[in-house]
N, C-alpha and C. Protein backbone atom coordinates (compact mmCIF):
# COMPACT_ATOMS: atom_id res chain seq x y z
N UNK A 1 90.43 55.92 93.24
CA UNK A 1 91.08 55.44 92.11
C UNK A 1 92.53 54.80 92.31
N UNK A 2 92.72 53.74 92.22
CA UNK A 2 94.07 53.20 92.55
C UNK A 2 95.17 53.41 91.49
N UNK A 3 96.45 53.07 92.17
CA UNK A 3 97.54 53.45 91.27
C UNK A 3 97.72 53.00 89.84
N UNK A 4 97.11 51.92 89.51
CA UNK A 4 97.65 51.10 88.47
C UNK A 4 96.47 51.94 87.38
N UNK A 5 95.24 52.36 87.99
CA UNK A 5 93.92 52.95 87.25
C UNK A 5 94.73 54.14 86.92
N UNK A 6 95.38 55.12 87.38
CA UNK A 6 95.85 56.37 87.36
C UNK A 6 96.85 56.29 86.26
N UNK A 7 98.06 55.23 86.68
CA UNK A 7 99.01 54.94 85.47
C UNK A 7 98.55 54.84 84.19
N UNK A 8 97.32 53.87 84.26
CA UNK A 8 96.95 53.67 82.62
C UNK A 8 96.16 54.95 81.94
N UNK A 9 95.46 55.70 82.92
CA UNK A 9 94.87 57.12 82.32
C UNK A 9 95.82 57.99 82.13
N UNK A 10 97.06 58.18 82.65
CA UNK A 10 98.02 58.99 82.15
C UNK A 10 98.85 58.32 80.70
N UNK A 11 98.94 57.05 80.90
CA UNK A 11 99.78 56.69 79.61
C UNK A 11 98.87 56.96 78.52
N UNK A 12 97.23 56.75 78.66
CA UNK A 12 96.59 57.05 77.61
C UNK A 12 96.48 58.88 76.90
N UNK A 13 96.50 59.12 77.99
CA UNK A 13 96.41 61.00 78.06
C UNK A 13 98.37 60.93 77.28
N UNK A 14 99.20 60.44 77.40
CA UNK A 14 100.30 60.65 77.28
C UNK A 14 100.54 60.68 75.75
N UNK A 15 99.75 59.36 75.48
CA UNK A 15 99.54 58.60 74.16
C UNK A 15 98.93 59.59 73.01
N UNK A 16 97.85 60.37 73.60
CA UNK A 16 97.29 61.13 72.47
C UNK A 16 97.74 62.72 72.60
N UNK A 17 98.67 62.82 73.67
CA UNK A 17 99.47 64.07 73.49
C UNK A 17 100.59 64.06 72.67
N UNK A 18 101.08 62.98 72.44
CA UNK A 18 102.08 62.36 71.17
C UNK A 18 101.53 62.70 69.99
N UNK A 19 100.46 61.90 69.90
CA UNK A 19 99.71 62.21 68.48
C UNK A 19 99.37 63.34 68.18
N UNK A 20 98.81 64.25 68.99
CA UNK A 20 98.75 65.92 68.91
C UNK A 20 100.13 66.33 68.36
N UNK A 21 101.06 66.16 69.04
CA UNK A 21 102.11 66.63 68.90
C UNK A 21 102.72 66.64 67.25
N UNK A 22 102.49 65.19 66.93
CA UNK A 22 102.89 64.83 65.54
C UNK A 22 101.80 65.27 64.27
N UNK A 23 100.62 65.68 64.77
CA UNK A 23 99.72 66.85 64.24
C UNK A 23 100.41 68.09 63.81
N UNK A 24 101.08 68.48 65.02
CA UNK A 24 101.33 69.72 65.13
C UNK A 24 102.82 69.65 64.24
N UNK A 25 103.55 68.52 64.14
CA UNK A 25 104.74 68.37 63.38
C UNK A 25 104.03 68.77 62.00
N UNK A 26 103.64 67.85 61.59
CA UNK A 26 102.47 67.92 59.88
C UNK A 26 102.44 69.38 59.50
N UNK A 27 101.59 70.20 60.67
CA UNK A 27 100.96 71.29 60.21
C UNK A 27 101.96 72.47 59.86
N UNK A 28 103.36 72.37 60.96
CA UNK A 28 104.48 73.27 60.71
C UNK A 28 104.39 74.03 62.16
N UNK A 29 103.34 74.10 62.94
CA UNK A 29 103.19 74.82 64.22
C UNK A 29 102.01 74.90 64.55
N UNK A 30 101.74 75.23 66.05
CA UNK A 30 100.92 75.34 66.76
C UNK A 30 99.71 76.07 65.84
N UNK A 31 99.99 77.04 65.83
CA UNK A 31 99.22 78.38 65.25
C UNK A 31 99.12 77.89 63.59
N UNK A 32 99.34 77.02 63.01
CA UNK A 32 99.13 76.39 61.48
C UNK A 32 98.20 75.36 61.70
N UNK A 33 98.49 74.44 62.74
CA UNK A 33 97.38 73.57 62.64
C UNK A 33 95.89 74.16 63.49
N UNK A 34 96.11 74.76 64.33
CA UNK A 34 94.76 75.50 64.65
C UNK A 34 93.98 76.53 63.97
N UNK A 35 94.73 77.00 63.15
CA UNK A 35 94.14 77.90 61.68
C UNK A 35 93.72 76.98 60.91
N UNK A 36 94.26 75.70 60.36
CA UNK A 36 93.81 75.18 59.66
C UNK A 36 92.30 74.43 60.15
N UNK A 37 92.39 73.99 61.51
CA UNK A 37 91.11 73.20 62.10
C UNK A 37 90.36 73.98 62.60
N UNK A 38 90.39 75.32 62.49
CA UNK A 38 89.45 76.17 62.68
C UNK A 38 89.04 76.13 64.17
N UNK A 39 90.26 76.20 65.22
CA UNK A 39 90.02 76.16 66.38
C UNK A 39 91.11 77.40 67.01
N UNK A 40 90.76 77.66 68.31
CA UNK A 40 91.52 78.72 68.84
C UNK A 40 92.97 78.23 69.08
N UNK A 41 93.80 78.97 69.03
CA UNK A 41 95.29 78.67 69.56
C UNK A 41 95.12 78.47 70.91
N UNK A 42 94.52 79.09 71.83
CA UNK A 42 94.73 78.70 73.40
C UNK A 42 94.16 77.29 73.20
N UNK A 43 92.85 76.77 72.84
CA UNK A 43 92.29 75.83 72.95
C UNK A 43 92.79 74.30 72.59
N UNK A 44 93.99 74.47 71.41
CA UNK A 44 94.83 73.88 70.87
C UNK A 44 95.76 73.15 72.00
N UNK A 45 96.49 74.66 72.52
CA UNK A 45 97.65 74.45 73.78
C UNK A 45 96.80 73.96 74.89
N UNK A 46 95.55 73.89 75.06
CA UNK A 46 95.05 73.08 76.01
C UNK A 46 95.01 71.57 76.16
N UNK A 47 94.32 71.42 74.56
CA UNK A 47 94.65 69.84 74.32
C UNK A 47 95.91 69.66 74.26
N UNK A 48 96.84 69.99 73.97
CA UNK A 48 98.66 69.95 74.17
C UNK A 48 98.76 69.58 75.67
N UNK A 49 98.33 69.89 76.62
CA UNK A 49 98.16 69.88 78.19
C UNK A 49 97.86 68.91 78.58
N UNK A 50 96.78 68.39 77.78
CA UNK A 50 95.86 67.34 78.52
C UNK A 50 94.57 67.27 78.39
N UNK A 51 94.18 68.76 78.06
CA UNK A 51 92.74 68.66 78.06
C UNK A 51 91.78 67.86 76.85
N UNK A 52 90.61 67.36 77.21
CA UNK A 52 89.67 66.49 76.13
C UNK A 52 88.79 67.14 75.01
N UNK A 53 89.38 67.11 74.05
CA UNK A 53 88.75 67.47 72.94
C UNK A 53 87.25 66.90 72.60
N UNK A 54 86.56 67.66 71.94
CA UNK A 54 85.28 67.31 71.78
C UNK A 54 85.48 66.44 70.51
N UNK A 55 84.27 65.24 70.05
CA UNK A 55 84.14 64.40 68.81
C UNK A 55 84.54 66.01 67.47
N UNK A 56 83.89 66.89 67.65
CA UNK A 56 83.94 67.58 66.85
C UNK A 56 85.10 68.29 66.54
N UNK A 57 86.13 68.48 67.50
CA UNK A 57 87.02 69.03 67.67
C UNK A 57 88.19 67.98 66.97
N UNK A 58 87.94 66.72 67.28
CA UNK A 58 88.62 65.43 66.75
C UNK A 58 88.67 65.48 65.26
N UNK A 59 87.38 65.79 64.78
CA UNK A 59 87.34 65.33 63.46
C UNK A 59 87.96 66.41 62.78
N UNK A 60 87.89 67.84 63.33
CA UNK A 60 88.72 68.99 62.30
C UNK A 60 90.21 68.79 62.68
N UNK A 61 90.26 68.53 63.67
CA UNK A 61 91.97 68.12 63.86
C UNK A 61 92.21 66.66 62.73
N UNK A 62 91.98 66.02 62.52
CA UNK A 62 92.05 64.94 62.00
C UNK A 62 92.06 65.63 60.30
N UNK A 63 91.10 65.97 59.84
CA UNK A 63 90.77 66.41 58.42
C UNK A 63 91.79 67.57 58.33
N UNK A 64 92.38 68.20 59.26
CA UNK A 64 93.04 69.51 59.10
C UNK A 64 94.80 69.07 58.71
N UNK A 65 94.82 68.05 59.66
CA UNK A 65 96.00 67.33 59.63
C UNK A 65 96.37 66.09 58.53
N UNK A 66 95.44 65.71 57.82
CA UNK A 66 95.05 64.86 56.95
C UNK A 66 95.43 63.26 57.58
N UNK A 67 95.14 63.02 58.57
CA UNK A 67 95.13 61.57 59.61
C UNK A 67 93.99 60.98 59.52
N UNK A 68 94.28 59.78 60.11
CA UNK A 68 92.69 59.05 60.30
C UNK A 68 92.52 59.22 61.46
N UNK A 69 91.34 59.28 61.47
CA UNK A 69 90.58 60.08 62.70
C UNK A 69 90.75 58.99 64.11
N UNK A 70 90.54 57.86 63.58
CA UNK A 70 90.42 56.34 64.38
C UNK A 70 91.92 56.71 65.10
N UNK A 71 92.98 56.84 64.60
CA UNK A 71 94.12 56.95 64.92
C UNK A 71 94.32 57.93 66.13
N UNK A 72 93.59 58.90 65.36
CA UNK A 72 93.95 60.18 66.14
C UNK A 72 93.12 59.92 67.90
N UNK A 73 92.02 59.25 67.53
CA UNK A 73 91.17 59.35 68.56
C UNK A 73 91.74 58.22 69.59
N UNK A 74 92.36 57.33 68.89
CA UNK A 74 92.58 55.90 70.07
C UNK A 74 94.01 55.47 69.99
N UNK A 75 94.64 55.63 68.99
CA UNK A 75 96.25 55.09 68.66
C UNK A 75 96.26 53.89 68.09
N UNK A 76 94.70 53.64 67.60
CA UNK A 76 94.76 52.44 66.76
C UNK A 76 94.83 52.36 65.26
N UNK A 77 95.42 51.49 64.67
CA UNK A 77 95.35 51.96 63.29
C UNK A 77 96.59 52.47 62.61
N UNK A 78 96.52 53.02 61.56
CA UNK A 78 97.71 53.58 60.71
C UNK A 78 97.50 55.47 60.83
N UNK A 79 98.50 55.92 60.83
CA UNK A 79 98.08 57.20 61.22
C UNK A 79 97.42 57.80 59.52
N UNK A 80 98.19 57.26 58.84
CA UNK A 80 97.38 57.80 57.63
C UNK A 80 96.76 56.27 56.72
N UNK A 81 95.31 56.24 56.37
CA UNK A 81 95.13 55.15 55.34
C UNK A 81 93.98 55.22 54.51
N UNK A 82 93.71 54.67 53.77
CA UNK A 82 92.84 54.75 52.64
C UNK A 82 93.06 56.18 51.73
N UNK A 83 92.12 56.57 51.19
CA UNK A 83 92.31 57.54 50.35
C UNK A 83 92.69 59.08 51.34
N UNK A 84 93.51 59.97 50.65
CA UNK A 84 94.00 60.73 51.41
C UNK A 84 93.11 62.02 51.60
N UNK A 85 92.98 62.01 53.05
CA UNK A 85 91.75 63.12 53.13
C UNK A 85 91.75 64.18 52.44
N UNK A 86 92.79 65.16 51.90
CA UNK A 86 92.94 66.20 51.19
C UNK A 86 92.36 66.21 49.89
N UNK A 87 92.04 64.65 49.16
CA UNK A 87 91.72 64.68 48.14
C UNK A 87 89.88 64.36 47.92
N UNK A 88 89.29 64.58 49.24
CA UNK A 88 88.07 64.43 49.35
C UNK A 88 87.57 65.74 49.41
N UNK A 89 86.39 66.38 49.30
CA UNK A 89 85.57 67.49 50.23
C UNK A 89 84.29 67.23 50.33
N UNK A 90 83.69 67.83 51.34
CA UNK A 90 82.56 67.39 51.80
C UNK A 90 81.63 68.26 51.60
N UNK A 91 80.62 67.78 50.82
CA UNK A 91 79.50 68.71 50.32
C UNK A 91 78.10 68.85 51.10
N UNK A 92 77.27 69.71 51.42
CA UNK A 92 76.02 69.69 51.97
C UNK A 92 75.16 68.96 51.34
N UNK A 93 74.31 67.79 52.24
CA UNK A 93 73.31 67.06 51.46
C UNK A 93 72.14 67.27 51.91
N UNK A 94 71.37 67.31 50.95
CA UNK A 94 69.80 67.32 51.41
C UNK A 94 69.51 65.70 51.26
N UNK A 95 68.88 65.23 52.08
CA UNK A 95 67.89 64.06 52.53
C UNK A 95 66.40 63.87 52.55
N UNK A 96 65.63 63.29 52.27
CA UNK A 96 64.09 63.43 52.62
C UNK A 96 63.30 62.54 52.10
N UNK A 97 62.18 62.40 52.48
CA UNK A 97 61.16 61.14 52.33
C UNK A 97 60.19 61.88 50.70
N UNK A 98 59.42 61.28 50.44
CA UNK A 98 58.25 61.75 49.47
C UNK A 98 57.17 61.80 50.56
N UNK A 99 56.53 62.57 50.44
CA UNK A 99 55.58 62.66 51.72
C UNK A 99 54.44 61.69 51.59
N UNK A 100 53.76 61.42 50.04
CA UNK A 100 52.92 60.32 50.10
C UNK A 100 53.08 59.64 48.36
N UNK A 101 52.30 58.87 48.15
CA UNK A 101 52.28 58.36 46.58
C UNK A 101 51.70 59.44 45.61
N UNK A 102 50.69 60.76 46.17
CA UNK A 102 50.06 61.14 45.10
C UNK A 102 50.87 63.04 45.62
N UNK A 103 51.76 62.87 46.47
CA UNK A 103 51.84 64.41 46.55
C UNK A 103 53.51 64.41 46.28
N UNK A 104 53.94 65.34 45.81
CA UNK A 104 55.34 65.38 45.33
C UNK A 104 56.44 65.37 46.57
N UNK A 105 57.69 64.97 46.38
CA UNK A 105 58.61 65.29 47.47
C UNK A 105 58.67 66.52 47.72
N UNK A 106 58.89 66.43 49.40
CA UNK A 106 59.55 68.04 49.72
C UNK A 106 60.75 67.71 50.93
N UNK A 107 61.56 68.46 50.93
CA UNK A 107 62.85 68.62 51.43
C UNK A 107 62.54 70.06 52.33
N UNK A 108 63.24 69.79 53.86
CA UNK A 108 63.43 70.61 54.75
C UNK A 108 65.04 71.40 54.28
N UNK A 109 64.69 72.54 53.92
CA UNK A 109 65.85 73.16 53.41
C UNK A 109 67.01 73.51 54.52
N UNK A 110 66.65 73.55 56.08
CA UNK A 110 67.79 73.62 56.62
C UNK A 110 67.87 72.19 57.22
N UNK A 111 67.67 71.15 56.82
CA UNK A 111 68.23 69.52 57.39
C UNK A 111 69.63 69.00 56.43
N UNK A 112 70.60 69.61 56.66
CA UNK A 112 71.68 69.20 55.57
C UNK A 112 72.82 68.19 56.53
N UNK A 113 72.99 67.09 55.83
CA UNK A 113 74.25 66.24 56.44
C UNK A 113 75.31 66.56 55.01
N UNK A 114 76.19 65.82 55.09
CA UNK A 114 77.08 65.78 54.42
C UNK A 114 77.51 64.56 53.09
N UNK A 115 77.92 64.96 51.88
CA UNK A 115 78.75 64.00 51.18
C UNK A 115 80.09 64.17 50.55
N UNK A 116 81.26 63.04 50.54
CA UNK A 116 82.20 63.09 50.40
C UNK A 116 81.96 62.71 48.76
N UNK A 117 83.09 64.04 47.87
CA UNK A 117 83.34 64.14 46.63
C UNK A 117 84.57 64.15 46.41
N UNK A 118 85.22 63.63 45.33
CA UNK A 118 86.92 63.60 44.80
C UNK A 118 87.00 64.95 44.46
N UNK A 119 87.92 65.63 45.22
CA UNK A 119 88.07 67.07 44.73
C UNK A 119 89.02 67.37 43.16
N UNK A 120 89.46 65.99 42.75
CA UNK A 120 90.25 66.36 41.49
C UNK A 120 89.17 65.84 40.54
N UNK A 121 88.15 64.99 40.77
CA UNK A 121 87.08 64.74 39.95
C UNK A 121 86.22 66.02 39.57
N UNK A 122 85.73 66.67 41.00
CA UNK A 122 85.00 68.18 40.64
C UNK A 122 85.75 69.27 39.92
N UNK A 123 87.38 69.24 40.50
CA UNK A 123 88.00 70.12 39.46
C UNK A 123 87.96 70.03 37.77
N UNK A 124 88.11 68.18 37.72
CA UNK A 124 88.33 67.95 36.18
C UNK A 124 87.40 68.30 35.41
N UNK A 125 85.72 68.30 36.13
CA UNK A 125 84.62 68.34 35.30
C UNK A 125 84.29 69.85 35.88
N UNK A 126 85.04 70.77 35.83
CA UNK A 126 84.91 72.30 35.99
C UNK A 126 83.97 72.52 37.20
N UNK A 127 83.64 71.92 38.14
CA UNK A 127 82.45 71.87 39.28
C UNK A 127 83.18 72.67 40.71
N UNK A 128 83.10 73.56 40.76
CA UNK A 128 83.40 74.15 41.94
C UNK A 128 82.69 74.05 43.45
N UNK A 129 83.48 73.32 44.24
CA UNK A 129 82.98 72.67 45.72
C UNK A 129 81.94 73.45 46.14
N UNK A 130 82.81 74.74 46.29
CA UNK A 130 82.05 75.82 46.92
C UNK A 130 80.67 76.30 46.55
N UNK A 131 80.34 75.97 45.48
CA UNK A 131 78.96 76.35 44.63
C UNK A 131 78.06 75.25 44.93
N UNK A 132 78.45 74.19 44.95
CA UNK A 132 77.61 72.95 45.37
C UNK A 132 76.77 72.39 46.36
N UNK A 133 75.70 71.74 46.14
CA UNK A 133 75.12 71.24 47.34
C UNK A 133 74.36 69.77 46.68
N UNK A 134 74.66 68.50 47.23
CA UNK A 134 74.33 67.38 47.11
C UNK A 134 72.85 67.31 46.88
N UNK A 135 72.11 66.01 46.71
CA UNK A 135 70.54 65.87 46.84
C UNK A 135 70.26 64.37 46.69
N UNK A 136 69.87 63.89 47.51
CA UNK A 136 69.68 62.26 47.05
C UNK A 136 68.14 62.68 46.85
N UNK A 137 67.51 62.03 45.48
CA UNK A 137 66.04 62.28 45.26
C UNK A 137 65.35 61.35 46.06
N UNK A 138 64.62 62.24 46.41
CA UNK A 138 63.46 61.31 47.77
C UNK A 138 62.20 60.61 47.26
N UNK A 139 62.04 61.19 45.79
CA UNK A 139 60.91 60.19 45.22
C UNK A 139 60.80 59.99 43.76
N UNK A 140 59.54 59.98 43.18
CA UNK A 140 59.65 59.77 41.65
C UNK A 140 59.17 60.63 40.80
N UNK A 141 58.96 62.02 41.54
CA UNK A 141 58.08 62.95 40.61
C UNK A 141 59.00 63.27 39.45
N UNK A 142 60.35 63.35 39.22
CA UNK A 142 61.16 63.65 38.22
C UNK A 142 61.25 62.14 37.49
N UNK A 143 60.95 61.06 37.43
CA UNK A 143 60.76 59.87 36.83
C UNK A 143 60.69 59.89 35.26
N UNK A 144 61.10 59.30 34.37
CA UNK A 144 62.32 58.12 34.82
C UNK A 144 63.52 59.36 34.39
N UNK A 145 63.78 60.55 34.54
CA UNK A 145 64.80 61.26 34.22
C UNK A 145 65.80 61.00 35.82
N UNK A 146 65.28 61.31 36.59
CA UNK A 146 65.84 60.79 38.03
C UNK A 146 65.15 60.26 38.82
N UNK A 147 65.76 58.84 39.45
CA UNK A 147 64.96 58.11 40.14
C UNK A 147 64.98 58.27 41.62
N UNK A 148 64.12 57.54 42.43
CA UNK A 148 64.15 57.68 43.98
C UNK A 148 65.73 57.12 44.62
N UNK A 149 66.37 57.67 45.02
CA UNK A 149 67.72 57.39 45.59
C UNK A 149 68.94 57.93 44.87
N UNK A 150 68.86 58.58 43.52
CA UNK A 150 70.09 59.11 42.66
C UNK A 150 70.58 60.11 43.33
N UNK A 151 72.09 60.31 43.11
CA UNK A 151 72.37 61.52 43.73
C UNK A 151 72.53 62.75 42.78
N UNK A 152 72.20 63.64 42.94
CA UNK A 152 72.28 64.79 42.06
C UNK A 152 73.45 66.13 42.47
N UNK A 153 74.11 66.84 42.09
CA UNK A 153 74.57 68.08 42.58
C UNK A 153 74.08 69.38 41.91
N UNK A 154 73.75 70.01 42.85
CA UNK A 154 73.22 71.15 42.44
C UNK A 154 74.21 72.51 42.63
N UNK A 155 74.03 73.28 41.60
CA UNK A 155 74.92 74.44 41.64
C UNK A 155 74.08 75.80 42.13
N UNK A 156 74.31 76.30 43.16
CA UNK A 156 73.67 77.24 44.07
C UNK A 156 73.93 78.35 43.37
N UNK A 157 74.76 78.48 42.31
CA UNK A 157 75.14 80.25 41.66
C UNK A 157 74.33 80.16 40.50
N UNK A 158 73.90 78.77 40.01
CA UNK A 158 72.78 79.23 38.80
C UNK A 158 71.25 79.48 39.16
N UNK A 159 71.26 80.79 39.17
CA UNK A 159 69.78 81.17 39.88
C UNK A 159 68.77 81.67 38.47
N UNK A 160 69.39 82.09 37.17
CA UNK A 160 68.29 82.22 36.22
C UNK A 160 67.74 80.96 35.81
N UNK A 161 66.49 80.95 35.94
CA UNK A 161 65.88 79.88 34.99
C UNK A 161 66.00 79.84 33.81
N UNK A 162 66.32 78.41 33.52
CA UNK A 162 66.68 78.28 31.98
C UNK A 162 65.46 77.24 31.12
N UNK A 163 64.59 77.57 30.24
CA UNK A 163 63.63 76.44 29.81
C UNK A 163 64.06 75.08 29.42
N UNK A 164 63.41 74.26 29.69
CA UNK A 164 63.68 72.53 29.80
C UNK A 164 64.97 72.12 30.72
N UNK A 165 65.54 73.18 31.73
CA UNK A 165 66.36 72.79 32.78
C UNK A 165 65.77 72.43 34.17
N UNK A 166 66.09 71.71 34.88
CA UNK A 166 65.98 71.28 36.08
C UNK A 166 66.70 71.97 37.26
N UNK A 167 65.55 72.66 38.04
CA UNK A 167 66.17 73.51 39.17
C UNK A 167 65.48 72.81 40.80
N UNK A 168 66.19 73.23 41.42
CA UNK A 168 65.97 73.15 42.91
C UNK A 168 65.06 74.29 43.57
N UNK A 169 64.02 74.33 43.81
CA UNK A 169 63.47 75.32 44.35
C UNK A 169 62.68 75.31 45.69
N UNK A 170 62.83 76.55 46.23
CA UNK A 170 62.07 76.77 47.54
C UNK A 170 60.80 77.25 47.70
N UNK A 171 59.92 76.61 48.11
CA UNK A 171 58.49 76.95 48.43
C UNK A 171 58.05 76.70 49.49
N UNK A 172 57.67 77.81 50.37
CA UNK A 172 57.02 77.83 51.70
C UNK A 172 57.87 76.83 52.63
N UNK A 173 59.07 77.44 52.41
CA UNK A 173 59.77 76.53 53.77
C UNK A 173 60.20 75.14 53.07
N UNK A 174 59.68 74.77 51.97
CA UNK A 174 60.32 72.99 51.35
C UNK A 174 60.97 73.32 50.05
N UNK A 175 61.58 72.30 50.23
CA UNK A 175 62.35 72.26 48.51
C UNK A 175 61.74 71.44 47.70
N UNK A 176 61.84 71.79 46.19
CA UNK A 176 60.88 70.75 45.34
C UNK A 176 61.95 71.20 44.21
N UNK A 177 62.03 69.91 43.19
CA UNK A 177 62.88 69.78 41.82
C UNK A 177 61.80 69.63 40.97
N UNK A 178 62.45 70.88 40.19
CA UNK A 178 61.09 70.64 39.04
C UNK A 178 61.91 71.13 37.57
N UNK A 179 61.21 70.74 36.39
CA UNK A 179 61.76 70.99 35.18
C UNK A 179 61.27 72.21 34.73
N UNK A 180 61.83 73.48 34.43
CA UNK A 180 61.27 74.68 34.06
C UNK A 180 60.62 74.96 32.87
N UNK A 181 59.70 75.70 32.32
CA UNK A 181 59.11 75.83 31.24
C UNK A 181 58.64 77.22 31.44
N UNK A 182 58.97 77.88 30.42
CA UNK A 182 58.90 79.42 30.16
C UNK A 182 57.33 79.43 29.27
N UNK A 183 56.69 80.30 29.85
CA UNK A 183 55.61 80.69 29.42
C UNK A 183 55.22 81.70 28.87
N UNK A 184 54.01 82.05 27.88
CA UNK A 184 54.00 83.42 27.68
C UNK A 184 53.74 84.43 28.50
N UNK A 185 54.06 85.50 28.36
CA UNK A 185 53.71 86.77 29.44
C UNK A 185 54.57 86.50 30.73
N UNK A 186 55.71 86.07 30.32
CA UNK A 186 56.42 85.64 31.43
C UNK A 186 56.21 84.77 32.54
N UNK A 187 55.53 84.35 32.61
CA UNK A 187 55.04 83.10 33.52
C UNK A 187 55.95 81.97 33.36
N UNK A 188 56.13 81.11 34.64
CA UNK A 188 56.57 79.92 34.67
C UNK A 188 55.82 78.46 35.01
N UNK A 189 56.08 77.78 34.11
CA UNK A 189 55.20 76.30 34.58
C UNK A 189 56.35 75.41 35.25
N UNK A 190 56.06 74.73 36.22
CA UNK A 190 57.24 73.76 36.97
C UNK A 190 56.54 72.73 36.49
N UNK A 191 57.57 71.82 35.89
CA UNK A 191 56.86 70.59 35.32
C UNK A 191 57.49 69.37 36.07
N UNK A 192 56.86 68.50 36.73
CA UNK A 192 57.27 67.16 36.90
C UNK A 192 57.64 66.55 35.82
N UNK A 193 58.61 65.63 35.33
CA UNK A 193 58.78 64.63 34.48
C UNK A 193 57.86 63.78 34.45
N UNK A 194 57.55 62.87 35.61
CA UNK A 194 56.43 61.88 36.00
C UNK A 194 55.01 62.48 35.38
N UNK A 195 54.26 62.01 34.86
CA UNK A 195 53.15 62.53 34.50
C UNK A 195 52.00 62.37 35.91
N UNK A 196 52.37 61.41 36.51
CA UNK A 196 51.63 61.39 37.63
C UNK A 196 51.37 62.36 38.42
N UNK A 197 52.41 63.41 38.43
CA UNK A 197 52.07 64.48 39.13
C UNK A 197 51.75 65.73 38.34
N UNK A 198 51.05 66.51 38.95
CA UNK A 198 50.44 68.03 38.36
C UNK A 198 51.45 68.93 38.21
N UNK A 199 51.64 69.55 37.08
CA UNK A 199 52.29 70.60 36.53
C UNK A 199 51.71 72.02 37.42
N UNK A 200 52.76 73.13 37.92
CA UNK A 200 52.26 74.22 38.24
C UNK A 200 52.38 75.36 37.53
N UNK A 201 51.90 76.11 37.21
CA UNK A 201 52.13 77.50 36.53
C UNK A 201 52.24 78.88 37.95
N UNK A 202 53.46 79.43 37.68
CA UNK A 202 53.96 80.31 38.86
C UNK A 202 54.28 81.55 38.48
N UNK A 203 53.96 82.56 39.34
CA UNK A 203 54.57 83.78 38.99
C UNK A 203 55.83 83.75 39.29
N UNK A 204 57.39 84.17 38.66
CA UNK A 204 58.62 83.76 38.50
C UNK A 204 59.24 84.85 39.89
N UNK A 205 58.53 85.72 39.89
CA UNK A 205 58.72 86.50 41.48
C UNK A 205 58.46 86.06 42.59
N UNK A 206 57.53 84.73 42.72
CA UNK A 206 57.20 83.98 43.72
C UNK A 206 58.30 83.09 44.07
N UNK A 207 59.01 82.83 43.14
CA UNK A 207 60.12 81.63 43.30
C UNK A 207 61.33 81.90 43.92
N UNK A 208 61.59 81.10 45.06
CA UNK A 208 62.91 81.01 45.74
C UNK A 208 64.01 80.01 44.98
N UNK A 209 65.22 80.36 44.07
CA UNK A 209 65.75 79.50 43.47
C UNK A 209 66.86 78.90 44.29
N UNK A 210 67.27 77.94 44.50
CA UNK A 210 68.16 77.45 45.15
C UNK A 210 69.41 77.17 44.04
N UNK A 211 69.24 76.35 43.16
CA UNK A 211 70.46 76.07 41.87
C UNK A 211 69.87 75.06 40.97
N UNK A 212 70.81 75.11 40.00
CA UNK A 212 70.36 74.34 39.05
C UNK A 212 71.04 72.94 39.05
N UNK A 213 70.52 71.86 38.59
CA UNK A 213 71.29 70.49 38.55
C UNK A 213 72.32 70.39 37.54
N UNK A 214 73.61 70.10 38.17
CA UNK A 214 74.56 69.86 36.93
C UNK A 214 75.09 68.44 36.94
N UNK A 215 74.85 67.69 37.39
CA UNK A 215 75.09 66.43 37.47
C UNK A 215 74.32 65.27 38.25
N UNK A 216 74.34 64.16 37.87
CA UNK A 216 73.30 62.84 38.32
C UNK A 216 74.04 61.72 38.25
N UNK A 217 73.67 60.61 39.32
CA UNK A 217 74.19 59.50 39.25
C UNK A 217 73.08 58.35 40.02
N UNK A 218 73.59 56.97 39.67
CA UNK A 218 72.49 56.16 40.26
C UNK A 218 73.42 54.82 39.94
N UNK A 219 73.13 54.01 40.79
CA UNK A 219 73.55 52.75 41.14
C UNK A 219 72.83 51.90 39.84
N UNK A 220 74.04 51.26 39.20
CA UNK A 220 73.42 50.45 37.59
C UNK A 220 72.34 49.16 38.49
C-alpha cells in the first residue's frame, strides 16, 4: 500500500467516524445511541474507534438516529432527507405466488420481508403497528374483493373467527386467506370469494389463526 492510498483510507475512516460522532450527539450519548440501535455499547465504541460495521448495523444506526443511510455510509447527500424516518414503521410482509391456476395461493409463514407504513396514519386509524403484518395478495382466490397485488393489513391479535370476515390462516405449514362462514354444529367453512375455487369445511380446532384483515388497498 502506497502512502497516498493509506492517506485516502484514513480520510474515509475519519469521515465516517465524524459522522458516527454526529449520530452520538443527536442521540445524546454513546449509551443512548447503542440502546436505540439495539447494539452493544462496546460494539459502538469499536466503530467509533475505526471498526467496520456490517450493513445491518449501519441500517440500525441510521434508523436510530433518523439520518439518511446513504449519507451515513458514504458521506454523500444530506444528513437527513425525504420523509423523517421516525414517521415510518416497518411491518413484517408476506409475499408469495399462486401455486397454479386451479390451486389456492399458499405462502410460507416463515418468509417475511418488510413494508413501510406511516406511523401517524396507522395511529389515526386506530391500528397498532406491533399487532400488524402486511400481505401482498398472491392470487385471485379472493377476487373480486381482493385482487392479485393488493396490499392487506392483518391484525394478529384478532384470533376469534367471525362470520363473514376474512382471516389469514395457517394450514400444514402454509398460509391461506379465506372468508369465514360459521356452520351448524360448530363447524367452520372456509370460503374463497372466487367461485372458481372450492370451499372447505373444517373443524375449528384444527385451524391456526394468524389474524383478521383490517385494511386493504390497490393501485387504481
